[in-house]
Amino acid sequence: MTNNSVARHSIHQARTKRTILDMHPIAKAFDRYWHRLKADHDIPRFLDFNINDVPSAALPYMSLLEVENTPRRFRYRLAGTSVVAAYGHDITGAYLDELDTGGQYDRYIHNFNEVADQRVINRTCDEYRLGNERLYRFDGHLYPFEGVYGDVSRIVILAIDDWTSVR
């Protein structure tokens, strides 16, 4: 794994208490988009996903993961400008196991597997202390999308930073 001086500061899981009313406005807009796409299905089909229809304010905070199943790996197919700034380099094309996750690789794998296997949205609140000592706070939202074979083939991640500053 690479080391880009990201050190884990603390974790705050907020999955069970968070509602759409508590979410950042950008997350609310993407949540409405995802629910509109899913219609009467449990999750939307990735074939219905159109980057041009995603709320434009969400794009800097968005990553698109491809779920590979043999073996199970997660590859970043798209990384928004805010995500690139947080990592300090473009992570597009990289696998999760190739990135410095601030010591949280196992937790990320658990969350990504939960979304892929249970077909559920996952929401968390996290904080990282970056190498420049800036505290990076973000709300993480993981949204599953169904592939052509009925499995979860993509996960959209929204990592909206500075959540606490907009409360």
Foldseek 3Di string as FASTA:
>chain_A
DDCQQWAFDDWFFDFPPDDLVLDDPLVVQQVVVFCVQCPPHLGHAVVSDDPVPRPPVQQQQKWKWFFDVVPTWIATQDHHVVRCVQQVHDRHGPILVVGCPNPCSVVVVVVVCCCQVVVDKGWTWGWIQGPVRDIKIWIWIWHFHAYPVGTGGMIMIGTGTPPVVVD
